[in-house]
N, C-alpha and C. Protein backbone atom coordinates (compact mmCIF):
# COMPACT_ATOMS: atom_id res chain seq x y z
N MET A 1 118.42 180.86 87.68
CA MET A 1 118.65 180.43 89.04
C MET A 1 120.14 180.56 89.35
N ILE A 2 120.45 181.22 90.43
CA ILE A 2 121.83 181.40 90.86
C ILE A 2 122.14 180.37 91.93
N LYS A 3 123.21 179.65 91.71
CA LYS A 3 123.64 178.67 92.70
C LYS A 3 124.84 179.21 93.45
N ASN A 4 124.85 178.98 94.73
CA ASN A 4 126.00 179.37 95.54
C ASN A 4 127.14 178.41 95.27
N LYS A 5 128.30 178.95 95.06
CA LYS A 5 129.47 178.11 94.88
C LYS A 5 130.12 177.89 96.23
N ILE A 6 130.54 176.68 96.45
CA ILE A 6 131.27 176.36 97.67
C ILE A 6 132.70 176.08 97.26
N GLU A 7 133.60 176.85 97.80
CA GLU A 7 135.00 176.67 97.48
C GLU A 7 135.59 175.59 98.38
N ASN A 8 136.18 174.60 97.77
CA ASN A 8 136.85 173.54 98.52
C ASN A 8 138.33 173.85 98.58
N VAL A 9 138.85 173.83 99.77
CA VAL A 9 140.27 174.07 99.98
C VAL A 9 140.80 172.92 100.82
N GLN A 10 141.87 172.32 100.36
CA GLN A 10 142.45 171.21 101.11
C GLN A 10 143.27 171.76 102.28
N VAL A 11 142.97 171.25 103.47
CA VAL A 11 143.72 171.65 104.67
C VAL A 11 144.12 170.40 105.43
N THR A 12 145.12 170.54 106.26
CA THR A 12 145.57 169.42 107.08
C THR A 12 144.69 169.30 108.33
N PHE A 13 144.71 168.14 108.95
CA PHE A 13 143.98 167.98 110.21
C PHE A 13 144.50 168.98 111.23
N SER A 14 145.80 169.19 111.24
CA SER A 14 146.40 170.11 112.19
C SER A 14 145.85 171.53 112.02
N THR A 15 145.72 171.96 110.79
CA THR A 15 145.16 173.30 110.51
C THR A 15 143.72 173.38 111.02
N TYR A 16 142.96 172.33 110.79
CA TYR A 16 141.57 172.29 111.23
C TYR A 16 141.49 172.37 112.75
N ILE A 17 142.29 171.54 113.41
CA ILE A 17 142.26 171.46 114.87
C ILE A 17 142.62 172.80 115.52
N THR A 18 143.52 173.53 114.91
CA THR A 18 143.97 174.79 115.52
C THR A 18 143.09 175.98 115.15
N SER A 19 142.04 175.76 114.36
CA SER A 19 141.16 176.87 114.01
C SER A 19 140.34 177.28 115.24
N ASP A 20 140.03 178.55 115.32
CA ASP A 20 139.29 179.08 116.47
C ASP A 20 137.93 178.42 116.64
N HIS A 21 137.24 178.17 115.53
CA HIS A 21 135.90 177.59 115.61
C HIS A 21 135.94 176.12 116.04
N PHE A 22 136.94 175.36 115.59
CA PHE A 22 137.10 173.98 116.04
C PHE A 22 137.36 173.97 117.54
N LYS A 23 138.29 174.79 118.00
CA LYS A 23 138.62 174.85 119.42
C LYS A 23 137.39 175.21 120.25
N ARG A 24 136.61 176.16 119.75
CA ARG A 24 135.41 176.57 120.49
C ARG A 24 134.40 175.43 120.55
N GLY A 25 134.30 174.67 119.46
CA GLY A 25 133.40 173.51 119.45
C GLY A 25 133.82 172.46 120.46
N VAL A 26 135.12 172.19 120.53
CA VAL A 26 135.63 171.22 121.51
C VAL A 26 135.28 171.68 122.92
N GLU A 27 135.58 172.93 123.20
CA GLU A 27 135.37 173.44 124.56
C GLU A 27 133.89 173.46 124.95
N THR A 28 133.01 173.85 124.03
CA THR A 28 131.58 173.86 124.38
C THR A 28 131.07 172.44 124.62
N ALA A 29 131.55 171.48 123.82
CA ALA A 29 131.14 170.09 124.03
C ALA A 29 131.65 169.57 125.37
N ARG A 30 132.89 169.84 125.67
CA ARG A 30 133.47 169.33 126.92
C ARG A 30 132.84 169.97 128.16
N LYS A 31 132.35 171.19 128.01
CA LYS A 31 131.69 171.87 129.13
C LYS A 31 130.19 171.59 129.17
N GLY A 32 129.67 170.91 128.14
CA GLY A 32 128.24 170.62 128.09
C GLY A 32 127.39 171.82 127.74
N GLU A 33 127.99 172.80 127.08
CA GLU A 33 127.27 174.02 126.70
C GLU A 33 126.56 173.82 125.37
N SER A 34 125.57 174.67 125.12
CA SER A 34 124.86 174.61 123.85
C SER A 34 125.54 175.52 122.82
N TRP A 35 124.96 175.59 121.66
CA TRP A 35 125.53 176.40 120.59
C TRP A 35 125.52 177.88 120.98
N PRO A 36 126.55 178.60 120.59
CA PRO A 36 126.60 180.03 120.92
C PRO A 36 125.55 180.81 120.12
N ALA A 37 125.12 181.91 120.67
CA ALA A 37 124.08 182.73 120.04
C ALA A 37 124.47 183.19 118.64
N GLU A 38 125.75 183.44 118.41
CA GLU A 38 126.20 183.96 117.11
C GLU A 38 126.42 182.88 116.06
N TYR A 39 126.13 181.62 116.40
CA TYR A 39 126.35 180.50 115.47
C TYR A 39 125.73 180.77 114.10
N ASN A 40 124.51 181.26 114.07
CA ASN A 40 123.81 181.48 112.79
C ASN A 40 124.38 182.63 111.97
N THR A 41 125.27 183.40 112.54
CA THR A 41 125.90 184.49 111.77
C THR A 41 127.21 184.04 111.12
N TRP A 42 127.68 182.85 111.49
CA TRP A 42 128.93 182.35 110.93
C TRP A 42 128.71 181.82 109.53
N ASN A 43 129.76 181.80 108.73
CA ASN A 43 129.64 181.22 107.39
C ASN A 43 129.69 179.69 107.51
N GLU A 44 129.46 179.02 106.41
CA GLU A 44 129.38 177.56 106.42
C GLU A 44 130.68 176.90 106.89
N SER A 45 131.80 177.44 106.49
CA SER A 45 133.09 176.89 106.90
C SER A 45 133.27 177.00 108.41
N GLN A 46 132.91 178.12 108.98
CA GLN A 46 133.04 178.32 110.42
C GLN A 46 132.11 177.38 111.18
N GLN A 47 130.89 177.24 110.69
CA GLN A 47 129.93 176.33 111.33
C GLN A 47 130.43 174.89 111.26
N THR A 48 130.96 174.49 110.12
CA THR A 48 131.46 173.13 109.95
C THR A 48 132.62 172.85 110.90
N ARG A 49 133.54 173.79 111.02
CA ARG A 49 134.67 173.60 111.94
C ARG A 49 134.19 173.51 113.38
N PHE A 50 133.22 174.33 113.73
CA PHE A 50 132.65 174.28 115.08
C PHE A 50 131.99 172.92 115.32
N GLU A 51 131.19 172.44 114.37
CA GLU A 51 130.50 171.16 114.52
C GLU A 51 131.49 170.01 114.66
N ARG A 52 132.53 170.02 113.86
CA ARG A 52 133.53 168.96 113.96
C ARG A 52 134.29 169.03 115.27
N GLY A 53 134.49 170.24 115.75
CA GLY A 53 135.10 170.40 117.07
C GLY A 53 134.21 169.82 118.16
N ARG A 54 132.91 170.03 118.04
CA ARG A 54 131.98 169.46 119.02
C ARG A 54 132.01 167.94 118.98
N LEU A 55 132.06 167.39 117.78
CA LEU A 55 132.13 165.93 117.66
C LEU A 55 133.42 165.40 118.29
N PHE A 56 134.52 166.05 117.97
CA PHE A 56 135.80 165.66 118.56
C PHE A 56 135.72 165.74 120.08
N GLY A 57 135.19 166.84 120.58
CA GLY A 57 135.09 167.04 122.02
C GLY A 57 134.18 166.03 122.70
N THR A 58 133.27 165.45 121.94
CA THR A 58 132.34 164.46 122.48
C THR A 58 132.95 163.07 122.51
N ILE A 59 133.68 162.68 121.43
CA ILE A 59 134.17 161.30 121.37
C ILE A 59 135.61 161.13 121.83
N ALA A 60 136.40 162.18 121.81
CA ALA A 60 137.79 162.08 122.27
C ALA A 60 137.83 162.04 123.79
N PRO A 61 138.78 161.33 124.36
CA PRO A 61 138.90 161.34 125.82
C PRO A 61 139.03 162.77 126.34
N LYS A 62 138.31 163.07 127.40
CA LYS A 62 138.29 164.44 127.92
C LYS A 62 139.68 164.95 128.32
N LYS A 63 140.55 164.06 128.73
CA LYS A 63 141.88 164.49 129.15
C LYS A 63 142.86 164.62 127.98
N MET A 64 142.41 164.27 126.78
CA MET A 64 143.30 164.36 125.62
C MET A 64 143.58 165.82 125.29
N ARG A 65 144.84 166.16 125.27
CA ARG A 65 145.23 167.50 124.83
C ARG A 65 145.18 167.51 123.31
N TYR A 66 144.59 168.53 122.74
CA TYR A 66 144.53 168.60 121.29
C TYR A 66 145.34 169.76 120.74
N ILE A 67 145.76 170.66 121.61
CA ILE A 67 146.60 171.79 121.22
C ILE A 67 147.84 171.78 122.10
N ALA A 68 148.98 172.00 121.46
CA ALA A 68 150.24 172.15 122.20
C ALA A 68 150.95 173.36 121.61
N GLY A 69 151.04 174.40 122.39
CA GLY A 69 151.61 175.64 121.87
C GLY A 69 150.69 176.21 120.80
N ARG A 70 151.21 176.35 119.60
CA ARG A 70 150.41 176.90 118.49
C ARG A 70 149.93 175.83 117.53
N GLY A 71 150.25 174.56 117.82
CA GLY A 71 149.90 173.49 116.91
C GLY A 71 149.07 172.40 117.54
N ALA A 72 148.62 171.49 116.71
CA ALA A 72 147.84 170.35 117.18
C ALA A 72 148.78 169.27 117.71
N THR A 73 148.31 168.51 118.68
CA THR A 73 149.12 167.41 119.19
C THR A 73 149.05 166.23 118.22
N LYS A 74 150.11 165.44 118.21
CA LYS A 74 150.11 164.24 117.36
C LYS A 74 149.01 163.28 117.81
N GLU A 75 148.77 163.25 119.10
CA GLU A 75 147.73 162.39 119.65
C GLU A 75 146.36 162.75 119.07
N ALA A 76 146.07 164.04 118.98
CA ALA A 76 144.78 164.49 118.43
C ALA A 76 144.68 164.19 116.94
N VAL A 77 145.74 164.46 116.21
CA VAL A 77 145.74 164.19 114.76
C VAL A 77 145.54 162.69 114.52
N ASN A 78 146.24 161.85 115.27
CA ASN A 78 146.09 160.40 115.13
C ASN A 78 144.69 159.94 115.52
N PHE A 79 144.12 160.57 116.54
CA PHE A 79 142.76 160.22 116.95
C PHE A 79 141.78 160.52 115.82
N ILE A 80 141.94 161.66 115.17
CA ILE A 80 141.06 162.01 114.06
C ILE A 80 141.25 161.03 112.90
N ARG A 81 142.48 160.68 112.60
CA ARG A 81 142.72 159.69 111.53
C ARG A 81 142.03 158.36 111.84
N GLN A 82 142.10 157.93 113.09
CA GLN A 82 141.51 156.65 113.48
C GLN A 82 139.98 156.70 113.54
N ASN A 83 139.43 157.87 113.77
CA ASN A 83 137.98 158.03 113.93
C ASN A 83 137.39 158.92 112.84
N TYR A 84 137.99 158.88 111.70
CA TYR A 84 137.62 159.75 110.57
C TYR A 84 136.13 159.70 110.25
N GLN A 85 135.55 158.52 110.20
CA GLN A 85 134.15 158.38 109.81
C GLN A 85 133.21 159.03 110.82
N GLU A 86 133.52 158.92 112.10
CA GLU A 86 132.65 159.49 113.14
C GLU A 86 132.70 161.02 113.15
N ILE A 87 133.88 161.56 112.84
CA ILE A 87 134.03 163.02 112.87
C ILE A 87 133.68 163.61 111.51
N ALA A 88 133.67 162.79 110.48
CA ALA A 88 133.22 163.18 109.13
C ALA A 88 134.02 164.29 108.50
N PHE A 89 135.32 164.17 108.49
CA PHE A 89 136.15 165.18 107.83
C PHE A 89 136.06 165.04 106.34
């Protein structure tokens, strides 16, 4: 029996927030859109980032900026730290 290995890589909240899939998850949640058609073609890491983005986009205040320039806002990083269990990082 062959088991798939999952590579764990430690990343910062800021790195997660600025990923394309996280940003797309936030935006789809805030717009009330459903999952994109290509969701099932993404790898597990991409799907997880998208899902966490959707959770963030659902529970974070809609007016909260989460990206500033090329980085995450301190407000967004602090929000994730305070709501860690709900977003399940």
